[in-house]
Each structure stands twice: as structure tokens, then as C-alpha cells.
Protein backbone atom coordinates (compact mmCIF):
# COMPACT_ATOMS: atom_id res chain seq x y z
CA MET A 1 8.99 59.59 -35.07
CA THR A 2 5.89 57.47 -35.65
CA THR A 3 3.70 58.39 -38.59
CA PHE A 4 -0.01 57.69 -38.64
CA SER A 5 -0.51 58.43 -42.33
CA ASN A 6 -0.80 54.75 -43.27
CA ARG A 7 -2.41 53.32 -40.13
CA LYS A 8 -6.06 52.90 -39.25
CA ILE A 9 -6.72 54.16 -35.73
CA VAL A 10 -9.81 53.50 -33.60
CA CYS A 11 -10.37 55.71 -30.56
CA LEU A 12 -12.80 54.70 -27.82
CA ALA A 13 -14.07 57.91 -26.24
CA GLY A 14 -16.33 58.94 -23.40
CA GLY A 15 -16.63 62.15 -21.44
CA VAL A 16 -14.42 65.20 -21.53
CA GLY A 17 -11.18 63.19 -21.37
CA GLY A 18 -12.23 61.00 -24.28
CA ALA A 19 -13.16 64.08 -26.29
CA LYS A 20 -9.72 65.56 -25.66
CA LEU A 21 -8.06 62.29 -26.70
CA ALA A 22 -10.14 62.18 -29.89
CA ASP A 23 -9.26 65.80 -30.65
CA GLY A 24 -5.57 65.13 -30.12
CA LEU A 25 -5.67 62.13 -32.45
CA ALA A 26 -7.57 64.17 -35.04
CA GLN A 27 -4.61 66.58 -35.05
CA ILE A 28 -2.12 63.89 -36.12
CA VAL A 29 -4.11 61.16 -37.89
CA PRO A 30 -5.53 61.73 -41.37
CA PRO A 31 -9.34 61.87 -41.08
CA GLU A 32 -9.87 58.91 -43.39
CA ASN A 33 -7.75 56.78 -41.03
CA LEU A 34 -9.46 57.78 -37.77
CA THR A 35 -12.67 56.29 -36.38
CA ILE A 36 -13.96 57.49 -33.02
CA ILE A 37 -16.38 55.20 -31.19
CA VAL A 38 -18.22 57.16 -28.51
CA ASN A 39 -19.91 55.97 -25.33
CA THR A 40 -23.72 56.02 -25.37
CA GLY A 41 -24.17 54.38 -21.97
CA ASP A 42 -24.98 57.75 -20.41
CA ASP A 43 -27.62 58.74 -22.99
CA PHE A 44 -31.02 59.62 -21.56
CA THR A 45 -34.28 61.40 -22.31
CA HIS A 46 -34.96 64.83 -20.80
CA LEU A 47 -37.96 67.01 -21.64
CA GLY A 48 -38.77 64.46 -24.34
CA LEU A 49 -35.40 65.00 -26.03
CA THR A 50 -32.73 62.39 -26.68
CA ILE A 51 -29.60 63.58 -24.88
CA CYS A 52 -26.25 62.02 -25.85
CA PRO A 53 -23.78 63.87 -23.61
CA ASP A 54 -20.62 62.04 -24.65
CA LEU A 55 -21.40 62.19 -28.37
CA ASP A 56 -22.08 65.90 -28.09
CA THR A 57 -18.91 66.54 -26.10
CA VAL A 58 -16.85 64.82 -28.82
CA LEU A 59 -18.74 66.60 -31.62
CA TYR A 60 -18.32 70.03 -30.07
CA ARG A 61 -14.64 69.43 -29.23
CA LEU A 62 -13.75 68.28 -32.77
CA ALA A 63 -15.74 71.15 -34.27
CA GLY A 64 -13.86 73.70 -32.16
CA ALA A 65 -17.19 74.69 -30.59
CA ALA A 66 -16.68 73.29 -27.07
CA ASN A 67 -17.00 75.39 -23.94
CA GLU A 68 -13.39 75.46 -22.75
CA GLU A 69 -14.34 76.51 -19.21
CA THR A 70 -16.56 73.51 -18.48
CA GLY A 71 -15.19 71.02 -21.03
CA TRP A 72 -18.76 70.20 -22.08
CA GLY A 73 -21.47 72.13 -23.88
CA ARG A 74 -21.04 74.84 -26.49
CA ALA A 75 -18.85 77.92 -26.44
CA GLY A 76 -20.79 81.18 -26.29
CA GLU A 77 -23.78 79.40 -24.82
CA SER A 78 -26.83 81.00 -23.22
CA TRP A 79 -29.47 79.37 -21.03
CA ARG A 80 -32.59 81.43 -21.65
CA VAL A 81 -34.76 78.46 -22.64
CA MET A 82 -33.92 76.43 -19.52
CA ALA A 83 -34.37 79.49 -17.31
CA GLU A 84 -37.86 79.85 -18.74
CA VAL A 85 -38.57 76.12 -18.31
CA GLY A 86 -37.67 76.49 -14.63
CA ARG A 87 -39.72 79.66 -14.25
CA LEU A 88 -42.72 77.81 -15.67
CA GLY A 89 -42.22 75.02 -13.12
CA GLY A 90 -40.59 72.46 -15.40
CA PRO A 91 -37.54 70.31 -14.67
CA ASP A 92 -34.44 72.42 -15.14
CA TRP A 93 -31.94 70.31 -13.17
CA PHE A 94 -29.98 69.36 -16.30
CA ARG A 95 -28.66 72.55 -17.81
CA LEU A 96 -29.09 72.44 -21.56
CA GLY A 97 -27.84 75.54 -23.32
CA ASP A 98 -29.81 77.16 -26.11
CA LEU A 99 -27.32 76.13 -28.83
CA ASP A 100 -27.05 72.66 -27.33
CA LEU A 101 -30.85 72.38 -27.37
CA ALA A 102 -30.80 72.81 -31.15
CA THR A 103 -28.64 69.68 -31.41
CA HIS A 104 -30.99 67.71 -29.15
CA LEU A 105 -34.10 68.94 -30.97
CA LEU A 106 -32.73 67.94 -34.36
CA ARG A 107 -31.41 64.59 -33.11
CA THR A 108 -34.76 63.73 -31.53
CA TYR A 109 -36.63 64.79 -34.66
CA LEU A 110 -34.43 62.71 -36.99
CA LEU A 111 -34.62 59.67 -34.71
CA GLY A 112 -38.40 60.06 -34.71
CA GLU A 113 -38.31 60.10 -38.51
CA GLY A 114 -36.70 56.66 -38.39
CA GLU A 115 -33.03 57.58 -38.76
CA SER A 116 -30.52 55.55 -36.75
CA LEU A 117 -28.31 57.22 -34.16
CA THR A 118 -25.35 56.46 -36.45
CA ALA A 119 -27.02 58.26 -39.38
CA VAL A 120 -27.98 61.21 -37.18
CA THR A 121 -24.41 61.43 -35.85
CA ARG A 122 -23.07 61.37 -39.43
CA HIS A 123 -25.47 64.21 -40.31
CA LEU A 124 -24.30 66.28 -37.33
CA CYS A 125 -20.65 65.62 -38.24
CA GLN A 126 -21.31 66.98 -41.73
CA LYS A 127 -23.01 70.09 -40.36
CA PHE A 128 -20.15 70.68 -37.89
CA HIS A 129 -17.54 69.99 -40.64
CA ILE A 130 -16.01 67.06 -38.76
CA GLN A 131 -14.06 64.72 -41.02
CA PRO A 132 -13.11 61.66 -38.93
CA ALA A 133 -15.85 59.04 -38.61
CA ILE A 134 -17.70 59.24 -35.30
CA LEU A 135 -19.77 56.22 -34.35
CA PRO A 136 -22.04 55.77 -31.35
CA MET A 137 -21.32 52.49 -29.58
């Protein structure tokens, strides 16, 4: 059987499948030996917020907070904010859950304060108790 205890592993991840791969590797590779580089090519701005869907999918999966039904978003999510945005006539085509919005609000705030996306991702990893290094590409 192969052991990963003395090998450095880099995982390139994007989307739900990449998040599952990263999670599987995190189960067998010591956190100090695992670096996950996540796609940012699908990042965009919505309602003035920086949205990093692949980063968030990996974060939530590794934190055990992912919505298992959809594969993306947070478990136990509600959509009251976006329902109200739609009711008020705003763009509600991209469904951001209330818990997910907290991530986007904080990310956008920290980026606006001059933090890099790498530093913001590191901060979120700490708050979600994720040990392997996660780097935006």
C-alpha cells in the first residue's frame, strides 16, 4: 500500500468533482503535505460581491459544511436574503444562500481592505478549521 506521509501532494481542483477529489486526498494525506490549488477562472462579481464558486465549494467540502444534495453551497442553507432581493426587483438569478452570503460579504470586505485573494482564502480556511493549504490559482 502506498503511503503519503512523506510525499508532498498538489491537487488541482475546480467544481464539485475537484472538491470531492481534494476532500478524498485530505483524508489520506497529512495536511502539511497537501496543497490544493483551486480554479478562479469562474470567479465573478454579483450584487457588488466577489463570488469565487470553486474556492467556496472546496472550502465548504473540506469543512464538512457542503450541501450534499447539490454538491455546492452550504448545508442547512436558507435563501431569505435573495428572495427579498428578487421581491425588491433586484437580480436574483444566481442563488446565494444566506450563510454563503456571509462568506462573500467578508471576502469582498477583506479584498477591499487590500488583502490578496490568497490571504483572504487563508483567513477563511482558519475560520473553517481547514488544515491543508488552499491556494487560488
